[in-house]
C-alpha atoms as a PDB file:
ATOM      1  CA  MET A   1     161.943 -86.663-112.362  1.00  0.00           C
ATOM      2  CA  GLU A   2     163.174 -87.962-115.747  1.00  0.00           C
ATOM      3  CA  VAL A   3     159.667 -87.941-117.009  1.00  0.00           C
ATOM      4  CA  LEU A   4     159.280 -84.345-116.048  1.00  0.00           C
ATOM      5  CA  MET A   5     162.626 -83.274-117.521  1.00  0.00           C
ATOM      6  CA  ARG A   6     162.717 -85.000-120.796  1.00  0.00           C
ATOM      7  CA  SER A   7     160.831 -82.276-122.483  1.00  0.00           C
ATOM      8  CA  LYS A   8     162.437 -78.747-122.827  1.00  0.00           C
ATOM      9  CA  ASN A   9     158.801 -77.445-122.092  1.00  0.00           C
ATOM     10  CA  GLY A  10     158.618 -79.572-118.851  1.00  0.00           C
ATOM     11  CA  PHE A  11     157.958 -78.025-115.551  1.00  0.00           C
ATOM     12  CA  LEU A  12     161.343 -78.727-113.999  1.00  0.00           C
ATOM     13  CA  THR A  13     163.299 -77.456-116.921  1.00  0.00           C
ATOM     14  CA  LYS A  14     161.476 -74.266-117.903  1.00  0.00           C
ATOM     15  CA  ARG A  15     157.849 -73.800-116.791  1.00  0.00           C
ATOM     16  CA  LEU A  16     158.258 -74.318-112.915  1.00  0.00           C
ATOM     17  CA  LYS A  17     159.845 -70.794-112.651  1.00  0.00           C
ATOM     18  CA  VAL A  18     156.642 -69.243-114.055  1.00  0.00           C
ATOM     19  CA  VAL A  19     154.752 -69.854-110.750  1.00  0.00           C
ATOM     20  CA  ASN A  20     157.439 -67.790-108.730  1.00  0.00           C
ATOM     21  CA  GLY A  21     155.806 -64.780-107.094  1.00  0.00           C
ATOM     22  CA  ILE A  22     152.284 -65.893-107.870  1.00  0.00           C
ATOM     23  CA  ASN A  23     149.754 -66.247-105.209  1.00  0.00           C
ATOM     24  CA  ASP A  24     148.652 -69.783-104.749  1.00  0.00           C
ATOM     25  CA  SER A  25     151.373 -70.741-107.110  1.00  0.00           C
ATOM     26  CA  LEU A  26     151.173 -74.462-106.608  1.00  0.00           C
ATOM     27  CA  ILE A  27     147.691 -74.581-108.320  1.00  0.00           C
ATOM     28  CA  TYR A  28     149.523 -74.355-111.591  1.00  0.00           C
ATOM     29  CA  LEU A  29     151.292 -77.656-110.986  1.00  0.00           C
ATOM     30  CA  LEU A  30     147.881 -79.329-110.692  1.00  0.00           C
ATOM     31  CA  PRO A  31     147.661 -80.196-114.382  1.00  0.00           C
ATOM     32  CA  VAL A  32     150.711 -82.412-113.940  1.00  0.00           C
ATOM     33  CA  ILE A  33     150.438 -83.965-110.456  1.00  0.00           C
ATOM     34  CA  LEU A  34     146.670 -83.945-109.658  1.00  0.00           C
ATOM     35  CA  LYS A  35     145.675 -86.893-111.855  1.00  0.00           C
ATOM     36  CA  ALA A  36     148.592 -88.927-110.580  1.00  0.00           C
ATOM     37  CA  VAL A  37     147.849 -88.117-106.925  1.00  0.00           C
ATOM     38  CA  ASP A  38     144.176 -88.906-107.252  1.00  0.00           C
ATOM     39  CA  THR A  39     144.840 -92.179-109.076  1.00  0.00           C
ATOM     40  CA  PHE A  40     147.235 -93.226-106.206  1.00  0.00           C
ATOM     41  CA  LEU A  41     144.887 -92.493-103.518  1.00  0.00           C
ATOM     42  CA  GLU A  42     142.043 -94.096-105.372  1.00  0.00           C
ATOM     43  CA  GLU A  43     144.040 -97.297-105.514  1.00  0.00           C
ATOM     44  CA  LEU A  44     145.432 -97.078-102.041  1.00  0.00           C
ATOM     45  CA  ILE A  45     142.304 -96.050-100.106  1.00  0.00           C
ATOM     46  CA  VAL A  46     139.120 -95.749-102.130  1.00  0.00           C
ATOM     47  CA  ARG A  47     139.228 -99.213-103.768  1.00  0.00           C
ATOM     48  CA  ARG A  48     140.402-100.966-100.730  1.00  0.00           C
ATOM     49  CA  GLU A  49     137.676 -99.545 -98.565  1.00  0.00           C
ATOM     50  CA  LEU A  50     135.196-100.213-101.164  1.00  0.00           C
ATOM     51  CA  VAL A  51     135.838-103.889-101.764  1.00  0.00           C
ATOM     52  CA  ASP A  52     136.266-104.598 -97.840  1.00  0.00           C
ATOM     53  CA  ASN A  53     132.785-103.200 -97.327  1.00  0.00           C
ATOM     54  CA  PHE A  54     131.280-104.894-100.323  1.00  0.00           C
ATOM     55  CA  CYS A  55     132.561-108.339 -99.150  1.00  0.00           C
ATOM     56  CA  PHE A  56     131.472-107.630 -95.602  1.00  0.00           C
ATOM     57  CA  TYR A  57     127.986-106.532 -96.262  1.00  0.00           C
ATOM     58  CA  GLN A  58     127.199-108.599 -99.467  1.00  0.00           C
ATOM     59  CA  HIS A  59     127.114-112.246 -98.682  1.00  0.00           C
ATOM     60  CA  HIS A  60     126.787-113.214-102.301  1.00  0.00           C
ATOM     61  CA  TYR A  61     130.076-111.249-103.290  1.00  0.00           C
ATOM     62  CA  ASP A  62     131.354-114.435-105.285  1.00  0.00           C
ATOM     63  CA  SER A  63     128.197-115.273-107.285  1.00  0.00           C
ATOM     64  CA  LEU A  64     125.802-113.532-109.742  1.00  0.00           C
ATOM     65  CA  GLN A  65     123.362-112.934-106.956  1.00  0.00           C
ATOM     66  CA  GLY A  66     125.439-109.988-105.715  1.00  0.00           C
ATOM     67  CA  ALA A  67     125.337-108.086-109.015  1.00  0.00           C
ATOM     68  CA  TRP A  68     123.193-105.301-110.140  1.00  0.00           C
ATOM     69  CA  GLU A  69     119.964-106.408-111.846  1.00  0.00           C
ATOM     70  CA  TRP A  70     120.894-104.924-115.168  1.00  0.00           C
ATOM     71  CA  ALA A  71     124.362-106.621-115.074  1.00  0.00           C
ATOM     72  CA  ARG A  72     122.698-110.004-114.367  1.00  0.00           C
ATOM     73  CA  ARG A  73     120.164-109.466-117.064  1.00  0.00           C
ATOM     74  CA  THR A  74     122.677-108.460-119.726  1.00  0.00           C
ATOM     75  CA  LEU A  75     124.936-111.470-118.866  1.00  0.00           C
ATOM     76  CA  MET A  76     122.046-113.905-118.963  1.00  0.00           C
ATOM     77  CA  ASP A  77     120.897-112.489-122.340  1.00  0.00           C
ATOM     78  CA  CYS A  78     124.187-113.372-123.743  1.00  0.00           C
ATOM     79  CA  ALA A  79     124.789-116.747-122.041  1.00  0.00           C
ATOM     80  CA  SER A  80     123.472-118.715-124.987  1.00  0.00           C
ATOM     81  CA  ASP A  81     125.507-116.828-127.615  1.00  0.00           C
ATOM     82  CA  GLU A  82     127.495-118.981-129.843  1.00  0.00           C
ATOM     83  CA  ARG A  83     131.135-119.422-128.755  1.00  0.00           C
ATOM     84  CA  GLU A  84     134.063-119.862-131.107  1.00  0.00           C
ATOM     85  CA  HIS A  85     135.972-121.741-128.298  1.00  0.00           C
ATOM     86  CA  ILE A  86     134.972-123.564-125.189  1.00  0.00           C
ATOM     87  CA  TYR A  87     137.600-124.372-122.688  1.00  0.00           C
ATOM     88  CA  THR A  88     137.681-126.522-119.614  1.00  0.00           C
ATOM     89  CA  ARG A  89     139.187-125.492-116.475  1.00  0.00           C
ATOM     90  CA  GLU A  90     142.059-127.617-116.874  1.00  0.00           C
ATOM     91  CA  GLN A  91     142.875-126.167-120.284  1.00  0.00           C
ATOM     92  CA  LEU A  92     142.696-122.650-119.021  1.00  0.00           C
ATOM     93  CA  GLU A  93     144.948-123.415-116.080  1.00  0.00           C
ATOM     94  CA  LYS A  94     147.547-124.890-118.312  1.00  0.00           C
ATOM     95  CA  ALA A  95     147.213-121.884-120.843  1.00  0.00           C
ATOM     96  CA  LYS A  96     146.092-124.063-123.645  1.00  0.00           C
ATOM     97  CA  THR A  97     144.113-121.736-125.707  1.00  0.00           C
ATOM     98  CA  ALA A  98     144.191-120.301-129.183  1.00  0.00           C
ATOM     99  CA  ASP A  99     145.055-116.812-127.705  1.00  0.00           C
ATOM    100  CA  PRO A 100     148.893-116.444-127.238  1.00  0.00           C
ATOM    101  CA  LEU A 101     148.369-113.126-125.352  1.00  0.00           C
ATOM    102  CA  TRP A 102     146.034-114.798-122.821  1.00  0.00           C
ATOM    103  CA  ASN A 103     148.283-117.833-122.548  1.00  0.00           C
ATOM    104  CA  ALA A 104     151.299-115.388-121.777  1.00  0.00           C
ATOM    105  CA  SER A 105     149.113-113.754-118.944  1.00  0.00           C
ATOM    106  CA  GLN A 106     148.099-117.003-117.485  1.00  0.00           C
ATOM    107  CA  LEU A 107     151.542-118.299-117.488  1.00  0.00           C
ATOM    108  CA  GLU A 108     152.864-115.076-115.784  1.00  0.00           C
ATOM    109  CA  MET A 109     150.543-115.807-112.942  1.00  0.00           C
ATOM    110  CA  VAL A 110     151.516-119.431-112.821  1.00  0.00           C
ATOM    111  CA  TYR A 111     155.302-118.815-112.695  1.00  0.00           C
ATOM    112  CA  TYR A 112     155.391-115.429-110.781  1.00  0.00           C
ATOM    113  CA  GLY A 113     152.043-115.229-109.028  1.00  0.00           C
ATOM    114  CA  LYS A 114     150.976-111.806-110.329  1.00  0.00           C
ATOM    115  CA  MET A 115     149.762-110.142-113.584  1.00  0.00           C
ATOM    116  CA  HIS A 116     149.600-106.644-114.759  1.00  0.00           C
ATOM    117  CA  GLY A 117     146.167-104.995-113.913  1.00  0.00           C
ATOM    118  CA  PHE A 118     145.257-104.245-117.463  1.00  0.00           C
ATOM    119  CA  MET A 119     146.060-107.701-118.628  1.00  0.00           C
ATOM    120  CA  TRP A 120     144.127-109.095-115.586  1.00  0.00           C
ATOM    121  CA  MET A 121     141.055-107.671-116.857  1.00  0.00           C
ATOM    122  CA  TYR A 122     141.545-109.006-120.334  1.00  0.00           C
ATOM    123  CA  TRP A 123     142.353-112.464-118.923  1.00  0.00           C
ATOM    124  CA  ALA A 124     139.109-112.382-116.949  1.00  0.00           C
ATOM    125  CA  LYS A 125     136.882-111.251-119.623  1.00  0.00           C
ATOM    126  CA  LYS A 126     138.198-113.781-122.226  1.00  0.00           C
ATOM    127  CA  ILE A 127     137.248-116.644-119.522  1.00  0.00           C
ATOM    128  CA  LEU A 128     133.643-115.319-119.813  1.00  0.00           C
ATOM    129  CA  GLU A 129     133.959-115.586-123.539  1.00  0.00           C
ATOM    130  CA  TRP A 130     135.287-119.048-123.452  1.00  0.00           C
ATOM    131  CA  THR A 131     132.874-120.779-121.055  1.00  0.00           C
ATOM    132  CA  ARG A 132     129.405-121.796-121.086  1.00  0.00           C
ATOM    133  CA  GLY A 133     127.857-119.036-119.076  1.00  0.00           C
ATOM    134  CA  PRO A 134     128.711-116.404-116.517  1.00  0.00           C
ATOM    135  CA  GLU A 135     128.246-118.665-113.467  1.00  0.00           C
ATOM    136  CA  GLU A 136     130.978-120.946-114.809  1.00  0.00           C
ATOM    137  CA  ALA A 137     133.191-118.203-115.839  1.00  0.00           C
ATOM    138  CA  LEU A 138     133.077-116.599-112.446  1.00  0.00           C
ATOM    139  CA  GLU A 139     133.742-119.831-110.699  1.00  0.00           C
ATOM    140  CA  ILE A 140     136.722-120.713-112.774  1.00  0.00           C
ATOM    141  CA  SER A 141     138.353-117.139-112.683  1.00  0.00           C
ATOM    142  CA  ILE A 142     137.943-117.346-108.807  1.00  0.00           C
ATOM    143  CA  TYR A 143     139.623-120.739-108.701  1.00  0.00           C
ATOM    144  CA  LEU A 144     142.466-119.880-110.884  1.00  0.00           C
ATOM    145  CA  ASN A 145     142.978-116.642-109.069  1.00  0.00           C
ATOM    146  CA  ASP A 146     142.971-118.150-105.570  1.00  0.00           C
ATOM    147  CA  LYS A 147     145.224-120.906-106.657  1.00  0.00           C
ATOM    148  CA  MET A 148     147.889-118.950-108.795  1.00  0.00           C
ATOM    149  CA  ALA A 149     147.827-115.257-107.798  1.00  0.00           C
ATOM    150  CA  GLY A 150     150.007-114.852-104.608  1.00  0.00           C
ATOM    151  CA  THR A 151     149.325-111.059-104.408  1.00  0.00           C
ATOM    152  CA  GLN A 152     145.503-111.108-104.867  1.00  0.00           C
ATOM    153  CA  VAL A 153     143.883-113.658-102.469  1.00  0.00           C
ATOM    154  CA  ASP A 154     141.830-111.126-100.604  1.00  0.00           C
ATOM    155  CA  THR A 155     138.760-108.966-100.934  1.00  0.00           C
ATOM    156  CA  LEU A 156     140.265-106.900-103.675  1.00  0.00           C
ATOM    157  CA  ALA A 157     140.744-110.001-105.674  1.00  0.00           C
ATOM    158  CA  ALA A 158     137.328-111.236-105.171  1.00  0.00           C
ATOM    159  CA  CYS A 159     135.771-107.827-106.209  1.00  0.00           C
ATOM    160  CA  GLY A 160     138.179-107.769-109.136  1.00  0.00           C
ATOM    161  CA  GLN A 161     136.644-110.985-110.501  1.00  0.00           C
ATOM    162  CA  TYR A 162     133.278-109.366-109.919  1.00  0.00           C
ATOM    163  CA  ALA A 163     133.977-106.137-111.632  1.00  0.00           C
ATOM    164  CA  ALA A 164     135.453-108.032-114.737  1.00  0.00           C
ATOM    165  CA  PHE A 165     132.092-109.710-115.397  1.00  0.00           C
ATOM    166  CA  MET A 166     129.526-107.538-113.679  1.00  0.00           C
ATOM    167  CA  THR A 167     130.947-103.950-113.435  1.00  0.00           C
ATOM    168  CA  ARG A 168     129.652-103.694-109.925  1.00  0.00           C
ATOM    169  CA  TYR A 169     131.365-100.463-109.422  1.00  0.00           C
ATOM    170  CA  GLU A 170     131.121 -98.918-112.952  1.00  0.00           C
ATOM    171  CA  LEU A 171     128.419 -96.925-114.735  1.00  0.00           C
ATOM    172  CA  SER A 172     125.861 -98.711-116.668  1.00  0.00           C
ATOM    173  CA  PHE A 173     126.159 -97.889-120.398  1.00  0.00           C
ATOM    174  CA  GLN A 174     123.075 -95.690-120.258  1.00  0.00           C
ATOM    175  CA  MET A 175     124.409 -93.856-117.158  1.00  0.00           C
ATOM    176  CA  TRP A 176     127.833 -93.469-118.968  1.00  0.00           C
ATOM    177  CA  THR A 177     126.151 -92.197-122.199  1.00  0.00           C
ATOM    178  CA  ASN A 178     124.035 -89.759-120.243  1.00  0.00           C
ATOM    179  CA  GLN A 179     127.114 -88.376-118.387  1.00  0.00           C
ATOM    180  CA  ILE A 180     129.022 -88.120-121.895  1.00  0.00           C
ATOM    181  CA  GLN A 181     125.964 -86.282-123.409  1.00  0.00           C
ATOM    182  CA  GLU A 182     125.706 -83.743-120.397  1.00  0.00           C
ATOM    183  CA  MET A 183     129.439 -82.932-120.892  1.00  0.00           C
ATOM    184  CA  LEU A 184     129.045 -82.540-124.801  1.00  0.00           C
ATOM    185  CA  ASN A 185     125.928 -80.210-124.156  1.00  0.00           C
ATOM    186  CA  SER A 186     128.082 -78.203-121.692  1.00  0.00           C
ATOM    187  CA  LYS A 187     130.783 -77.668-124.212  1.00  0.00           C
ATOM    188  CA  LYS A 188     128.124 -76.809-126.950  1.00  0.00           C
ATOM    189  CA  CYS A 189     126.432 -74.230-124.695  1.00  0.00           C
ATOM    190  CA  GLY A 190     129.925 -72.912-123.712  1.00  0.00           C
ATOM    191  CA  ASP A 191     130.836 -72.607-127.421  1.00  0.00           C
ATOM    192  CA  ALA A 192     127.624 -70.739-128.158  1.00  0.00           C
ATOM    193  CA  ALA A 193     128.202 -68.439-125.231  1.00  0.00           C
ATOM    194  CA  PHE A 194     131.822 -67.888-126.192  1.00  0.00           C
ATOM    195  CA  ARG A 195     130.741 -66.810-129.758  1.00  0.00           C
ATOM    196  CA  SER A 196     128.232 -64.491-128.412  1.00  0.00           C
ATOM    197  CA  LYS A 197     130.850 -63.067-126.137  1.00  0.00           C
ATOM    198  CA  ASP A 198     128.879 -63.905-123.102  1.00  0.00           C
ATOM    199  CA  PHE A 199     131.919 -64.822-121.146  1.00  0.00           C
ATOM    200  CA  ALA A 200     130.434 -65.360-117.836  1.00  0.00           C
ATOM    201  CA  ASN A 201     128.042 -68.024-119.056  1.00  0.00           C
ATOM    202  CA  ALA A 202     130.757 -69.575-121.236  1.00  0.00           C
ATOM    203  CA  LEU A 203     132.963 -69.804-118.187  1.00  0.00           C
ATOM    204  CA  SER A 204     130.244 -71.581-116.281  1.00  0.00           C
ATOM    205  CA  TYR A 205     129.591 -74.188-119.055  1.00  0.00           C
ATOM    206  CA  TYR A 206     133.388 -74.824-119.808  1.00  0.00           C
ATOM    207  CA  THR A 207     133.865 -75.367-116.081  1.00  0.00           C
ATOM    208  CA  GLN A 208     131.043 -77.883-115.952  1.00  0.00           C
ATOM    209  CA  PHE A 209     132.816 -79.663-118.840  1.00  0.00           C
ATOM    210  CA  ILE A 210     136.197 -79.718-117.323  1.00  0.00           C
ATOM    211  CA  ASP A 211     134.919 -80.693-113.808  1.00  0.00           C
ATOM    212  CA  GLY A 212     133.111 -83.741-115.356  1.00  0.00           C
ATOM    213  CA  GLY A 213     136.469 -85.205-115.860  1.00  0.00           C
ATOM    214  CA  THR A 214     135.393 -87.917-118.398  1.00  0.00           C
ATOM    215  CA  MET A 215     136.786 -85.874-121.449  1.00  0.00           C
ATOM    216  CA  ILE A 216     139.711 -83.724-121.881  1.00  0.00           C
ATOM    217  CA  SER A 217     140.032 -80.828-124.503  1.00  0.00           C
ATOM    218  CA  PRO A 218     142.750 -78.365-124.907  1.00  0.00           C
ATOM    219  CA  THR A 219     140.434 -76.236-126.966  1.00  0.00           C
ATOM    220  CA  VAL A 220     138.157 -75.819-123.927  1.00  0.00           C
ATOM    221  CA  SER A 221     141.100 -75.012-121.735  1.00  0.00           C
ATOM    222  CA  VAL A 222     142.224 -72.317-124.085  1.00  0.00           C
ATOM    223  CA  ARG A 223     138.640 -70.898-124.502  1.00  0.00           C
ATOM    224  CA  ARG A 224     138.044 -70.804-120.705  1.00  0.00           C
ATOM    225  CA  CYS A 225     141.567 -69.142-120.407  1.00  0.00           C
ATOM    226  CA  LEU A 226     140.323 -66.422-122.702  1.00  0.00           C
ATOM    227  CA  CYS A 227     137.020 -66.071-120.774  1.00  0.00           C
ATOM    228  CA  TYR A 228     139.078 -65.601-117.473  1.00  0.00           C
ATOM    229  CA  LEU A 229     141.147 -63.095-119.273  1.00  0.00           C
ATOM    230  CA  MET A 230     138.129 -61.039-120.437  1.00  0.00           C
ATOM    231  CA  SER A 231     136.802 -61.375-116.818  1.00  0.00           C
ATOM    232  CA  GLU A 232     140.220 -59.781-115.656  1.00  0.00           C
ATOM    233  CA  MET A 233     141.234 -63.079-113.798  1.00  0.00           C
ATOM    234  CA  PRO A 234     144.892 -63.479-115.206  1.00  0.00           C
ATOM    235  CA  GLN A 235     145.929 -65.916-112.674  1.00  0.00           C
ATOM    236  CA  GLU A 236     143.122 -68.527-113.466  1.00  0.00           C
ATOM    237  CA  ALA A 237     143.750 -67.865-117.128  1.00  0.00           C
ATOM    238  CA  LEU A 238     147.393 -68.675-116.757  1.00  0.00           C
ATOM    239  CA  GLY A 239     146.420 -72.013-115.120  1.00  0.00           C
ATOM    240  CA  ASP A 240     144.255 -72.968-118.056  1.00  0.00           C
ATOM    241  CA  ALA A 241     146.902 -71.915-120.630  1.00  0.00           C
ATOM    242  CA  MET A 242     149.271 -74.304-118.864  1.00  0.00           C
ATOM    243  CA  GLN A 243     146.775 -76.973-118.638  1.00  0.00           C
ATOM    244  CA  ALA A 244     146.227 -76.736-122.569  1.00  0.00           C
ATOM    245  CA  GLN A 245     150.110 -77.120-122.713  1.00  0.00           C
ATOM    246  CA  VAL A 246     150.010 -80.244-120.768  1.00  0.00           C
ATOM    247  CA  ILE A 247     147.322 -81.864-122.805  1.00  0.00           C
ATOM    248  CA  ALA A 248     148.719 -80.679-126.197  1.00  0.00           C
ATOM    249  CA  PRO A 249     152.496 -79.907-125.707  1.00  0.00           C
ATOM    250  CA  GLU A 250     153.023 -79.413-129.469  1.00  0.00           C
ATOM    251  CA  TRP A 251     150.135 -76.939-129.831  1.00  0.00           C
ATOM    252  CA  PRO A 252     151.663 -73.415-130.448  1.00  0.00           C
ATOM    253  CA  THR A 253     148.315 -71.630-129.611  1.00  0.00           C
ATOM    254  CA  ALA A 254     148.731 -72.764-125.978  1.00  0.00           C
ATOM    255  CA  PHE A 255     152.130 -71.042-125.877  1.00  0.00           C
ATOM    256  CA  TYR A 256     151.053 -67.907-127.657  1.00  0.00           C
ATOM    257  CA  LEU A 257     147.986 -67.621-125.284  1.00  0.00           C
ATOM    258  CA  GLN A 258     150.131 -68.207-122.159  1.00  0.00           C
ATOM    259  CA  ALA A 259     152.604 -65.425-123.318  1.00  0.00           C
ATOM    260  CA  ALA A 260     150.443 -62.860-124.887  1.00  0.00           C
ATOM    261  CA  ALA A 261     147.841 -62.676-122.092  1.00  0.00           C
ATOM    262  CA  PRO A 262     148.327 -64.195-118.643  1.00  0.00           C
ATOM    263  CA  LEU A 263     152.110 -63.741-118.359  1.00  0.00           C
ATOM    264  CA  PHE A 264     152.126 -60.157-119.711  1.00  0.00           C
ATOM    265  CA  SER A 265     149.163 -59.311-117.561  1.00  0.00           C
ATOM    266  CA  LEU A 266     150.935 -60.486-114.401  1.00  0.00           C
ATOM    267  CA  GLY A 267     154.084 -58.518-115.349  1.00  0.00           C
ATOM    268  CA  MET A 268     156.221 -61.555-116.221  1.00  0.00           C
ATOM    269  CA  ASP A 269     157.582 -60.262-119.492  1.00  0.00           C
ATOM    270  CA  ASN A 270     160.748 -62.390-119.720  1.00  0.00           C
ATOM    271  CA  ASP A 271     158.774 -65.563-119.142  1.00  0.00           C
ATOM    272  CA  ALA A 272     156.242 -64.268-121.867  1.00  0.00           C
ATOM    273  CA  GLN A 273     158.990 -63.692-124.391  1.00  0.00           C
ATOM    274  CA  GLU A 274     160.295 -67.306-123.896  1.00  0.00           C
ATOM    275  CA  SER A 275     156.815 -68.734-124.321  1.00  0.00           C
ATOM    276  CA  LEU A 276     156.413 -66.786-127.440  1.00  0.00           C
ATOM    277  CA  LYS A 277     159.683 -68.155-128.757  1.00  0.00           C
ATOM    278  CA  ASP A 278     158.603 -71.650-127.929  1.00  0.00           C
ATOM    279  CA  GLY A 279     155.323 -71.171-129.641  1.00  0.00           C
ATOM    280  CA  THR A 280     157.140 -69.784-132.666  1.00  0.00           C
ATOM    281  CA  SER A 281     159.514 -72.715-132.872  1.00  0.00           C
ATOM    282  CA  LEU A 282     156.761 -75.310-132.652  1.00  0.00           C
ATOM    283  CA  GLU A 283     154.838 -73.544-135.451  1.00  0.00           C
ATOM    284  CA  THR A 284     157.942 -73.552-137.555  1.00  0.00           C
ATOM    285  CA  GLN A 285     158.448 -77.146-137.055  1.00  0.00           C
ATOM    286  CA  ARG A 286     154.767 -77.906-137.994  1.00  0.00           C
ATOM    287  CA  HIS A 287     155.138 -76.046-141.274  1.00  0.00           C
ATOM    288  CA  ARG A 288     158.391 -77.944-142.102  1.00  0.00           C
ATOM    289  CA  ASN A 289     156.687 -81.135-141.603  1.00  0.00           C
END
């Protein structure tokens, strides 16, 4: 609640009332809540189901044999790389490395039996850097995790070790770059259609970009908003204008667009006036700075 209310432009303090009287009004809360909900469900259900099935069906879940071929190949290609430091299992267990951040993470697991997820990935990847090869790194990380981590001695932990080294559930670099390129092409085609006032095609391309989910752009949200307006779809336009505000809360254009088009089109004149004032205030602050 405090996170939502700390800004004068937050949903609870001001913008929540914008959705009153609009059909399917909850859709305009999605920019704020959808990502959090998806992340929670992904952690609670998707990852758990994924790793349980992996450990059940993949008998080599704790060795390199269970990894994708491209992951094994790239790991082995780098296995003979020169290492700045080589540490034994005992040195790692006692947090005797030259990296104070890694040492602190290891000691947190020793004393408290847990470690923050982001630091855990760093912890595991550094073991790969400090051992003689991926097989030894995986063996040591599993040993330390099973011995120290009171909250992760299960299938999720086993696959966590695996993911840290072999990105079992992640895209390969080529797949990832292809996905990024497709999204950039969608934006490029959308921009070209937008400049040509081909709003139907621009709407389609911008939707492909947004639905891809890998990149976020307030400019794309604003332009799709304008496409919706030109297609006489004010409710959808309002949703994109609010999305742009969530992504870039200090951007006056998002406020102007929300006020001047969707809100006036929906007959919400008072809210439109307030949004115009907010945009003017932000623009004034920008010029002062």
